[in-house]
Amino acid sequence: MLGAELGERATLVQFSTAFCQPCRATRRVLADVAALVPGVGHVEIDAEARLDLVRAAGVARTPTVLILDREGRVALRAAGAPRKADVLAGLARAL
């Protein structure tokens, strides 16, 4: 569905747009978490270029973050720029 390889244990999916300032901060947070937790991948999707995925995932604003389990099922979703601690806590629930 995403057109990208999923993480071994979980995947952090970020829907972003080019001029979204909170998206830049979200990118850094998710990249840090993916580097910190073994087996976790980070995929960023350009919402403007992938309207099909935006519609399929029900994304209404950017950034929107989905945490997918190892099978690619949505375990958690959040809109807005997340804090690192919140992403780690959500990831712990998904693993």
N, C-alpha and C. Protein backbone atom coordinates (compact mmCIF):
# COMPACT_ATOMS: atom_id res chain seq x y z
N MET A 1 0.80 -1.19 0.00
CA MET A 1 0.00 0.00 0.00
C MET A 1 0.86 1.27 0.00
N LEU A 2 1.89 1.32 0.86
CA LEU A 2 2.69 2.53 0.98
C LEU A 2 3.71 2.70 -0.14
N GLY A 3 4.09 1.61 -0.76
CA GLY A 3 5.14 1.69 -1.77
C GLY A 3 6.51 1.80 -1.13
N ALA A 4 6.61 1.46 0.14
CA ALA A 4 7.88 1.49 0.86
C ALA A 4 7.95 0.26 1.75
N GLU A 5 9.17 -0.12 2.07
CA GLU A 5 9.37 -1.29 2.92
C GLU A 5 9.01 -0.95 4.37
N LEU A 6 8.31 -1.88 5.01
CA LEU A 6 7.93 -1.69 6.41
C LEU A 6 9.08 -2.06 7.32
N GLY A 7 9.09 -1.48 8.51
CA GLY A 7 10.09 -1.84 9.51
C GLY A 7 9.87 -3.27 9.97
N GLU A 8 10.89 -3.89 10.48
CA GLU A 8 10.82 -5.28 10.94
C GLU A 8 9.82 -5.45 12.08
N ARG A 9 9.79 -4.49 13.01
CA ARG A 9 8.88 -4.59 14.16
C ARG A 9 7.70 -3.62 14.08
N ALA A 10 7.92 -2.44 13.51
CA ALA A 10 6.88 -1.42 13.40
C ALA A 10 7.35 -0.36 12.41
N THR A 11 6.41 0.45 11.95
CA THR A 11 6.73 1.53 11.00
C THR A 11 6.02 2.80 11.42
N LEU A 12 6.77 3.88 11.43
CA LEU A 12 6.23 5.20 11.69
C LEU A 12 5.96 5.85 10.34
N VAL A 13 4.70 6.13 10.05
CA VAL A 13 4.32 6.72 8.77
C VAL A 13 3.91 8.16 9.01
N GLN A 14 4.51 9.05 8.24
CA GLN A 14 4.24 10.49 8.39
C GLN A 14 3.69 11.03 7.08
N PHE A 15 2.51 11.64 7.14
CA PHE A 15 1.95 12.35 6.00
C PHE A 15 2.33 13.82 6.16
N SER A 16 3.02 14.38 5.14
CA SER A 16 3.53 15.74 5.21
C SER A 16 3.20 16.49 3.93
N THR A 17 3.36 17.82 4.01
CA THR A 17 3.31 18.66 2.82
C THR A 17 4.56 19.54 2.83
N ALA A 18 4.92 20.04 1.66
CA ALA A 18 6.19 20.76 1.49
C ALA A 18 6.33 21.99 2.39
N PHE A 19 5.27 22.74 2.57
CA PHE A 19 5.39 24.00 3.31
C PHE A 19 4.89 23.92 4.74
N CYS A 20 4.75 22.72 5.25
CA CYS A 20 4.25 22.49 6.61
C CYS A 20 5.41 22.56 7.60
N GLN A 21 5.46 23.62 8.39
CA GLN A 21 6.54 23.78 9.37
C GLN A 21 6.53 22.67 10.43
N PRO A 22 5.37 22.31 11.01
CA PRO A 22 5.37 21.23 12.00
C PRO A 22 5.81 19.88 11.40
N CYS A 23 5.68 19.73 10.09
CA CYS A 23 6.11 18.48 9.45
C CYS A 23 7.62 18.29 9.56
N ARG A 24 8.36 19.39 9.49
CA ARG A 24 9.82 19.30 9.61
C ARG A 24 10.22 18.81 11.00
N ALA A 25 9.58 19.36 12.02
CA ALA A 25 9.87 18.93 13.39
C ALA A 25 9.47 17.47 13.59
N THR A 26 8.33 17.09 13.01
CA THR A 26 7.85 15.71 13.11
C THR A 26 8.83 14.76 12.44
N ARG A 27 9.37 15.15 11.30
CA ARG A 27 10.36 14.33 10.59
C ARG A 27 11.55 14.04 11.49
N ARG A 28 12.04 15.07 12.19
CA ARG A 28 13.20 14.89 13.08
C ARG A 28 12.86 13.95 14.23
N VAL A 29 11.70 14.14 14.84
CA VAL A 29 11.28 13.30 15.97
C VAL A 29 11.17 11.84 15.54
N LEU A 30 10.48 11.60 14.44
CA LEU A 30 10.28 10.22 13.99
C LEU A 30 11.58 9.57 13.55
N ALA A 31 12.46 10.32 12.90
CA ALA A 31 13.76 9.78 12.49
C ALA A 31 14.58 9.42 13.73
N ASP A 32 14.53 10.26 14.76
CA ASP A 32 15.25 9.96 16.01
C ASP A 32 14.72 8.68 16.65
N VAL A 33 13.40 8.55 16.71
CA VAL A 33 12.79 7.36 17.32
C VAL A 33 13.15 6.11 16.51
N ALA A 34 13.07 6.21 15.18
CA ALA A 34 13.39 5.05 14.33
C ALA A 34 14.85 4.63 14.52
N ALA A 35 15.75 5.60 14.71
CA ALA A 35 17.16 5.29 14.93
C ALA A 35 17.39 4.71 16.32
N LEU A 36 16.55 5.08 17.26
CA LEU A 36 16.70 4.66 18.65
C LEU A 36 16.15 3.26 18.92
N VAL A 37 15.07 2.89 18.24
CA VAL A 37 14.40 1.62 18.51
C VAL A 37 14.69 0.63 17.37
N PRO A 38 15.38 -0.46 17.67
CA PRO A 38 15.71 -1.44 16.63
C PRO A 38 14.46 -2.02 15.96
N GLY A 39 14.54 -2.17 14.64
CA GLY A 39 13.45 -2.78 13.89
C GLY A 39 12.30 -1.85 13.56
N VAL A 40 12.46 -0.56 13.83
CA VAL A 40 11.41 0.41 13.53
C VAL A 40 11.83 1.26 12.34
N GLY A 41 10.95 1.34 11.34
CA GLY A 41 11.22 2.14 10.15
C GLY A 41 10.43 3.44 10.19
N HIS A 42 10.85 4.38 9.34
CA HIS A 42 10.16 5.67 9.21
C HIS A 42 9.94 5.93 7.73
N VAL A 43 8.68 6.17 7.38
CA VAL A 43 8.31 6.46 5.99
C VAL A 43 7.59 7.79 5.98
N GLU A 44 8.06 8.70 5.13
CA GLU A 44 7.38 9.99 4.98
C GLU A 44 6.68 10.01 3.63
N ILE A 45 5.42 10.41 3.64
CA ILE A 45 4.61 10.44 2.43
C ILE A 45 4.22 11.88 2.13
N ASP A 46 4.48 12.30 0.91
CA ASP A 46 4.07 13.63 0.46
C ASP A 46 2.57 13.58 0.19
N ALA A 47 1.81 14.22 1.06
CA ALA A 47 0.34 14.16 0.98
C ALA A 47 -0.19 14.73 -0.33
N GLU A 48 0.47 15.74 -0.86
CA GLU A 48 0.01 16.34 -2.12
C GLU A 48 0.21 15.42 -3.31
N ALA A 49 1.28 14.63 -3.26
CA ALA A 49 1.58 13.72 -4.37
C ALA A 49 0.85 12.39 -4.26
N ARG A 50 0.42 12.03 -3.06
CA ARG A 50 -0.22 10.72 -2.85
C ARG A 50 -1.62 10.88 -2.26
N LEU A 51 -2.48 11.58 -3.00
CA LEU A 51 -3.85 11.79 -2.55
C LEU A 51 -4.60 10.48 -2.36
N ASP A 52 -4.21 9.45 -3.11
CA ASP A 52 -4.83 8.14 -2.96
C ASP A 52 -4.61 7.60 -1.54
N LEU A 53 -3.39 7.73 -1.03
CA LEU A 53 -3.09 7.26 0.33
C LEU A 53 -3.71 8.17 1.38
N VAL A 54 -3.76 9.46 1.10
CA VAL A 54 -4.40 10.41 2.02
C VAL A 54 -5.86 10.02 2.22
N ARG A 55 -6.55 9.75 1.11
CA ARG A 55 -7.96 9.36 1.19
C ARG A 55 -8.13 8.01 1.88
N ALA A 56 -7.28 7.05 1.52
CA ALA A 56 -7.39 5.71 2.09
C ALA A 56 -7.15 5.72 3.60
N ALA A 57 -6.25 6.59 4.05
CA ALA A 57 -5.91 6.64 5.47
C ALA A 57 -6.78 7.65 6.23
N GLY A 58 -7.60 8.40 5.53
CA GLY A 58 -8.47 9.37 6.18
C GLY A 58 -7.70 10.54 6.79
N VAL A 59 -6.64 10.96 6.13
CA VAL A 59 -5.82 12.07 6.63
C VAL A 59 -6.51 13.39 6.31
N ALA A 60 -6.72 14.21 7.35
CA ALA A 60 -7.39 15.50 7.17
C ALA A 60 -6.43 16.68 7.30
N ARG A 61 -5.27 16.47 7.92
CA ARG A 61 -4.30 17.54 8.09
C ARG A 61 -2.89 16.96 8.17
N THR A 62 -1.92 17.84 7.99
CA THR A 62 -0.53 17.42 8.12
C THR A 62 0.11 18.22 9.24
N PRO A 63 1.03 17.59 9.97
CA PRO A 63 1.40 16.18 9.85
C PRO A 63 0.37 15.26 10.52
N THR A 64 0.21 14.12 9.92
CA THR A 64 -0.52 13.01 10.54
C THR A 64 0.45 11.86 10.63
N VAL A 65 0.50 11.22 11.79
CA VAL A 65 1.42 10.11 12.03
C VAL A 65 0.61 8.85 12.30
N LEU A 66 0.98 7.78 11.62
CA LEU A 66 0.41 6.46 11.86
C LEU A 66 1.53 5.57 12.38
N ILE A 67 1.22 4.77 13.38
CA ILE A 67 2.16 3.74 13.82
C ILE A 67 1.57 2.42 13.35
N LEU A 68 2.32 1.75 12.48
CA LEU A 68 1.89 0.46 11.94
C LEU A 68 2.60 -0.66 12.68
N ASP A 69 1.87 -1.74 12.95
CA ASP A 69 2.52 -2.91 13.55
C ASP A 69 3.29 -3.66 12.47
N ARG A 70 3.89 -4.75 12.83
CA ARG A 70 4.75 -5.48 11.87
C ARG A 70 3.99 -6.01 10.67
N GLU A 71 2.67 -6.20 10.79
CA GLU A 71 1.86 -6.65 9.66
C GLU A 71 1.34 -5.49 8.82
N GLY A 72 1.63 -4.26 9.22
CA GLY A 72 1.19 -3.10 8.46
C GLY A 72 -0.18 -2.58 8.86
N ARG A 73 -0.72 -3.07 9.97
CA ARG A 73 -2.01 -2.58 10.47
C ARG A 73 -1.79 -1.33 11.31
N VAL A 74 -2.73 -0.38 11.22
CA VAL A 74 -2.63 0.86 11.99
C VAL A 74 -2.90 0.54 13.47
N ALA A 75 -1.88 0.76 14.29
CA ALA A 75 -2.00 0.52 15.72
C ALA A 75 -2.35 1.81 16.46
N LEU A 76 -1.94 2.95 15.88
CA LEU A 76 -2.17 4.24 16.51
C LEU A 76 -2.08 5.32 15.46
N ARG A 77 -2.87 6.38 15.62
CA ARG A 77 -2.78 7.53 14.72
C ARG A 77 -2.89 8.80 15.52
N ALA A 78 -2.21 9.84 15.03
CA ALA A 78 -2.24 11.14 15.70
C ALA A 78 -2.06 12.23 14.66
N ALA A 79 -2.74 13.35 14.87
CA ALA A 79 -2.59 14.51 14.00
C ALA A 79 -1.84 15.59 14.77
N GLY A 80 -1.03 16.34 14.06
CA GLY A 80 -0.22 17.38 14.69
C GLY A 80 1.17 16.87 15.00
N ALA A 81 2.03 17.78 15.40
CA ALA A 81 3.42 17.42 15.68
C ALA A 81 3.51 16.70 17.03
N PRO A 82 3.98 15.46 17.03
CA PRO A 82 4.06 14.70 18.28
C PRO A 82 5.34 15.00 19.05
N ARG A 83 5.29 14.77 20.34
CA ARG A 83 6.49 14.82 21.17
C ARG A 83 7.16 13.45 21.11
N LYS A 84 8.47 13.44 21.25
CA LYS A 84 9.23 12.19 21.19
C LYS A 84 8.72 11.18 22.22
N ALA A 85 8.43 11.65 23.43
CA ALA A 85 7.95 10.75 24.49
C ALA A 85 6.62 10.11 24.10
N ASP A 86 5.75 10.87 23.44
CA ASP A 86 4.46 10.34 23.01
C ASP A 86 4.62 9.28 21.93
N VAL A 87 5.55 9.51 21.01
CA VAL A 87 5.81 8.52 19.95
C VAL A 87 6.36 7.24 20.56
N LEU A 88 7.30 7.38 21.49
CA LEU A 88 7.87 6.19 22.15
C LEU A 88 6.79 5.42 22.92
N ALA A 89 5.91 6.13 23.60
CA ALA A 89 4.84 5.47 24.35
C ALA A 89 3.88 4.76 23.40
N GLY A 90 3.50 5.40 22.31
CA GLY A 90 2.62 4.79 21.32
C GLY A 90 3.27 3.59 20.67
N LEU A 91 4.54 3.69 20.41
CA LEU A 91 5.28 2.59 19.81
C LEU A 91 5.35 1.40 20.76
N ALA A 92 5.53 1.66 22.03
CA ALA A 92 5.58 0.60 23.04
C ALA A 92 4.25 -0.16 23.06
N ARG A 93 3.15 0.55 22.91
CA ARG A 93 1.83 -0.12 22.87
C ARG A 93 1.66 -0.94 21.59
N ALA A 94 2.26 -0.49 20.49
CA ALA A 94 2.10 -1.18 19.21
C ALA A 94 2.98 -2.41 19.10
N LEU A 95 4.08 -2.45 19.86
CA LEU A 95 5.01 -3.57 19.74
C LEU A 95 4.54 -4.72 20.54
